[in-house]
Every structure is written in structure tokens, then in C-alpha cells.
N, C-alpha and C. Protein backbone atom coordinates (compact mmCIF):
# COMPACT_ATOMS: atom_id res chain seq x y z
N MET A 1 0.82 -1.19 0.00
CA MET A 1 0.00 0.00 0.00
C MET A 1 0.87 1.26 0.00
N SER A 2 1.99 1.24 0.70
CA SER A 2 2.87 2.41 0.71
C SER A 2 3.47 2.65 -0.66
N GLN A 3 3.65 1.57 -1.42
CA GLN A 3 4.21 1.72 -2.77
C GLN A 3 3.23 2.49 -3.65
N ARG A 4 1.95 2.25 -3.50
CA ARG A 4 0.95 2.94 -4.30
C ARG A 4 0.91 4.44 -3.99
N SER A 5 1.00 4.82 -2.72
CA SER A 5 0.99 6.24 -2.38
C SER A 5 2.26 6.94 -2.88
N ASP A 6 3.38 6.22 -2.92
CA ASP A 6 4.60 6.80 -3.45
C ASP A 6 4.47 7.09 -4.94
N GLU A 7 3.79 6.21 -5.66
CA GLU A 7 3.60 6.41 -7.10
C GLU A 7 2.71 7.61 -7.36
N SER A 8 1.67 7.81 -6.58
CA SER A 8 0.77 8.94 -6.81
C SER A 8 1.47 10.25 -6.48
N ASP A 9 2.36 10.26 -5.50
CA ASP A 9 3.11 11.47 -5.18
C ASP A 9 4.12 11.80 -6.27
N ALA A 10 4.68 10.78 -6.88
CA ALA A 10 5.69 11.00 -7.91
C ALA A 10 5.09 11.56 -9.18
N SER A 11 3.83 11.26 -9.46
CA SER A 11 3.22 11.73 -10.69
C SER A 11 2.67 13.16 -10.57
N ALA A 12 2.54 13.68 -9.36
CA ALA A 12 2.02 15.04 -9.17
C ALA A 12 3.06 16.05 -9.64
N PRO A 13 2.63 17.07 -10.40
CA PRO A 13 3.59 18.08 -10.86
C PRO A 13 4.13 18.89 -9.68
N VAL A 14 5.40 19.15 -9.71
CA VAL A 14 6.05 19.90 -8.64
C VAL A 14 6.37 21.29 -9.16
N ARG A 15 5.87 22.30 -8.47
CA ARG A 15 6.14 23.67 -8.85
C ARG A 15 7.34 24.18 -8.07
N PRO A 16 8.25 24.86 -8.74
CA PRO A 16 9.37 25.44 -8.00
C PRO A 16 8.88 26.58 -7.11
N ALA A 17 9.54 26.78 -6.01
CA ALA A 17 9.15 27.86 -5.09
C ALA A 17 9.37 29.20 -5.76
N ARG A 18 8.39 30.06 -5.65
CA ARG A 18 8.47 31.38 -6.25
C ARG A 18 9.33 32.28 -5.38
N ARG A 19 10.26 33.00 -5.99
CA ARG A 19 11.13 33.89 -5.24
C ARG A 19 10.86 35.32 -5.67
N GLY A 20 10.44 36.15 -4.73
CA GLY A 20 10.21 37.56 -4.99
C GLY A 20 10.97 38.40 -4.00
N PHE A 21 10.71 39.70 -4.02
CA PHE A 21 11.44 40.58 -3.11
C PHE A 21 10.76 40.72 -1.75
N LEU A 22 9.52 40.23 -1.60
CA LEU A 22 8.87 40.28 -0.30
C LEU A 22 9.50 39.22 0.61
N PRO A 23 9.69 39.56 1.88
CA PRO A 23 10.37 38.61 2.78
C PRO A 23 9.47 37.52 3.33
N ILE A 24 8.27 37.35 2.78
CA ILE A 24 7.34 36.33 3.24
C ILE A 24 6.85 35.51 2.05
N VAL A 25 6.36 34.32 2.33
CA VAL A 25 5.80 33.48 1.28
C VAL A 25 4.38 33.97 1.01
N THR A 26 4.08 34.29 -0.26
CA THR A 26 2.78 34.85 -0.61
C THR A 26 2.24 34.19 -1.87
N ASN A 27 0.92 34.26 -2.01
CA ASN A 27 0.30 33.90 -3.28
C ASN A 27 -0.17 35.21 -3.93
N TRP A 28 -0.83 35.12 -5.07
CA TRP A 28 -1.20 36.35 -5.78
C TRP A 28 -2.20 37.17 -4.98
N PHE A 29 -3.09 36.52 -4.24
CA PHE A 29 -4.08 37.27 -3.47
C PHE A 29 -3.43 38.02 -2.32
N ASP A 30 -2.44 37.41 -1.68
CA ASP A 30 -1.71 38.10 -0.61
C ASP A 30 -1.01 39.34 -1.14
N ARG A 31 -0.37 39.20 -2.29
CA ARG A 31 0.32 40.35 -2.89
C ARG A 31 -0.66 41.43 -3.32
N LEU A 32 -1.83 41.04 -3.81
CA LEU A 32 -2.86 42.01 -4.17
C LEU A 32 -3.33 42.76 -2.93
N PHE A 33 -3.56 42.05 -1.83
CA PHE A 33 -3.98 42.69 -0.59
C PHE A 33 -2.92 43.66 -0.08
N ILE A 34 -1.66 43.27 -0.13
CA ILE A 34 -0.58 44.16 0.29
C ILE A 34 -0.54 45.40 -0.61
N GLY A 35 -0.73 45.22 -1.91
CA GLY A 35 -0.73 46.35 -2.83
C GLY A 35 -1.87 47.32 -2.55
N ILE A 36 -3.06 46.80 -2.27
CA ILE A 36 -4.20 47.66 -1.97
C ILE A 36 -3.99 48.39 -0.64
N TYR A 37 -3.45 47.68 0.34
CA TYR A 37 -3.18 48.27 1.65
C TYR A 37 -2.18 49.42 1.52
N LEU A 38 -1.11 49.21 0.74
CA LEU A 38 -0.13 50.27 0.52
C LEU A 38 -0.71 51.42 -0.30
N PHE A 39 -1.61 51.11 -1.23
CA PHE A 39 -2.29 52.15 -2.01
C PHE A 39 -3.03 53.10 -1.09
N VAL A 40 -3.80 52.55 -0.16
CA VAL A 40 -4.59 53.38 0.76
C VAL A 40 -3.66 54.18 1.68
N ALA A 41 -2.62 53.54 2.21
CA ALA A 41 -1.70 54.23 3.10
C ALA A 41 -0.97 55.37 2.38
N LEU A 42 -0.54 55.11 1.16
CA LEU A 42 0.15 56.15 0.39
C LEU A 42 -0.78 57.31 0.07
N GLU A 43 -2.03 57.01 -0.27
CA GLU A 43 -3.00 58.07 -0.55
C GLU A 43 -3.21 58.95 0.68
N LEU A 44 -3.38 58.33 1.84
CA LEU A 44 -3.61 59.11 3.07
C LEU A 44 -2.40 59.96 3.43
N LEU A 45 -1.21 59.40 3.32
CA LEU A 45 -0.01 60.18 3.61
C LEU A 45 0.17 61.32 2.61
N TRP A 46 -0.14 61.05 1.35
CA TRP A 46 -0.02 62.07 0.31
C TRP A 46 -0.99 63.21 0.59
N MET A 47 -2.23 62.86 0.94
CA MET A 47 -3.23 63.92 1.21
C MET A 47 -2.83 64.74 2.42
N ARG A 48 -2.17 64.15 3.38
CA ARG A 48 -1.79 64.87 4.59
C ARG A 48 -0.60 65.79 4.35
N PHE A 49 0.42 65.33 3.61
CA PHE A 49 1.67 66.06 3.54
C PHE A 49 1.99 66.70 2.19
N LEU A 50 1.51 66.15 1.09
CA LEU A 50 1.97 66.62 -0.22
C LEU A 50 0.88 67.18 -1.13
N GLU A 51 -0.36 67.03 -0.79
CA GLU A 51 -1.43 67.41 -1.72
C GLU A 51 -1.44 68.90 -2.03
N GLN A 52 -0.99 69.72 -1.12
CA GLN A 52 -1.00 71.16 -1.37
C GLN A 52 0.00 71.56 -2.45
N SER A 53 1.06 70.78 -2.64
CA SER A 53 2.05 71.14 -3.63
C SER A 53 2.04 70.24 -4.87
N ILE A 54 1.66 68.98 -4.71
CA ILE A 54 1.65 68.04 -5.84
C ILE A 54 0.26 67.43 -5.91
N PRO A 55 -0.37 67.42 -7.11
CA PRO A 55 -1.74 66.90 -7.23
C PRO A 55 -1.86 65.42 -6.84
N LEU A 56 -3.04 65.06 -6.40
CA LEU A 56 -3.32 63.69 -5.97
C LEU A 56 -3.25 62.71 -7.14
N ALA A 57 -3.45 63.17 -8.36
CA ALA A 57 -3.37 62.30 -9.52
C ALA A 57 -1.97 61.68 -9.67
N VAL A 58 -0.95 62.40 -9.28
CA VAL A 58 0.41 61.86 -9.31
C VAL A 58 0.52 60.69 -8.35
N CYS A 59 -0.10 60.82 -7.19
CA CYS A 59 -0.10 59.74 -6.21
C CYS A 59 -0.84 58.52 -6.74
N HIS A 60 -1.95 58.74 -7.45
CA HIS A 60 -2.69 57.62 -8.03
C HIS A 60 -1.79 56.81 -8.97
N VAL A 61 -1.07 57.49 -9.83
CA VAL A 61 -0.19 56.81 -10.79
C VAL A 61 0.91 56.04 -10.05
N LEU A 62 1.54 56.68 -9.07
CA LEU A 62 2.60 56.01 -8.31
C LEU A 62 2.07 54.82 -7.52
N ALA A 63 0.91 54.97 -6.90
CA ALA A 63 0.34 53.90 -6.09
C ALA A 63 -0.07 52.71 -6.95
N ILE A 64 -0.64 52.95 -8.12
CA ILE A 64 -1.02 51.86 -9.02
C ILE A 64 0.23 51.15 -9.55
N ALA A 65 1.27 51.91 -9.87
CA ALA A 65 2.51 51.30 -10.33
C ALA A 65 3.15 50.46 -9.22
N LEU A 66 3.12 50.95 -8.00
CA LEU A 66 3.66 50.19 -6.87
C LEU A 66 2.86 48.91 -6.63
N ALA A 67 1.54 49.00 -6.68
CA ALA A 67 0.70 47.81 -6.49
C ALA A 67 0.93 46.79 -7.60
N ALA A 68 1.05 47.25 -8.83
CA ALA A 68 1.30 46.33 -9.94
C ALA A 68 2.66 45.65 -9.79
N LEU A 69 3.66 46.38 -9.35
CA LEU A 69 4.98 45.81 -9.13
C LEU A 69 4.95 44.75 -8.03
N ILE A 70 4.22 45.02 -6.97
CA ILE A 70 4.12 44.05 -5.87
C ILE A 70 3.39 42.80 -6.32
N VAL A 71 2.30 42.95 -7.05
CA VAL A 71 1.56 41.78 -7.50
C VAL A 71 2.37 40.97 -8.50
N TRP A 72 3.08 41.63 -9.38
CA TRP A 72 3.81 40.96 -10.45
C TRP A 72 5.13 40.35 -9.97
N LYS A 73 5.92 41.10 -9.24
CA LYS A 73 7.27 40.66 -8.86
C LYS A 73 7.42 40.32 -7.39
N GLY A 74 6.45 40.71 -6.55
CA GLY A 74 6.58 40.55 -5.10
C GLY A 74 6.69 39.15 -4.69
């Protein structure tokens, strides 16, 4: 019986571990959540400190680019 379970394990495809720049093991949904969380935090900080001198649209572009980078490469 143990021989049969060994055969089924051997036929299962093995995916290599994904290596990104985040220091934790994540799947795509985790990286999406982190990107959205950072988007909101960046927007709030921008509105508090930089909105008077730099428009919020610049922050939107930067935050979307950061979220896309985290989801894609994180």
C-alpha cells in the first residue's frame, strides 16, 4: 500500500518555489492585498503632507505602479 501512495506522489507536478522581493511566502491574493493596503496608506499620507504642492493624480499613478509591481514581482 505504501508503494501505491509513493507512485501517486511522484506523478504530481512539482512547482518550484516562487522567489520575490517580499520577505514572506505569498500567493497572488496576498500580494494584491498588500498592494491595496499600501495604495490606501500612500493616498492618506499624500493627502496629509503633499497634496498642497503636488496633485493627488500623481499619487494615483505612483500607487497603481507600486501595487502592480508588488503583485507581479513581489
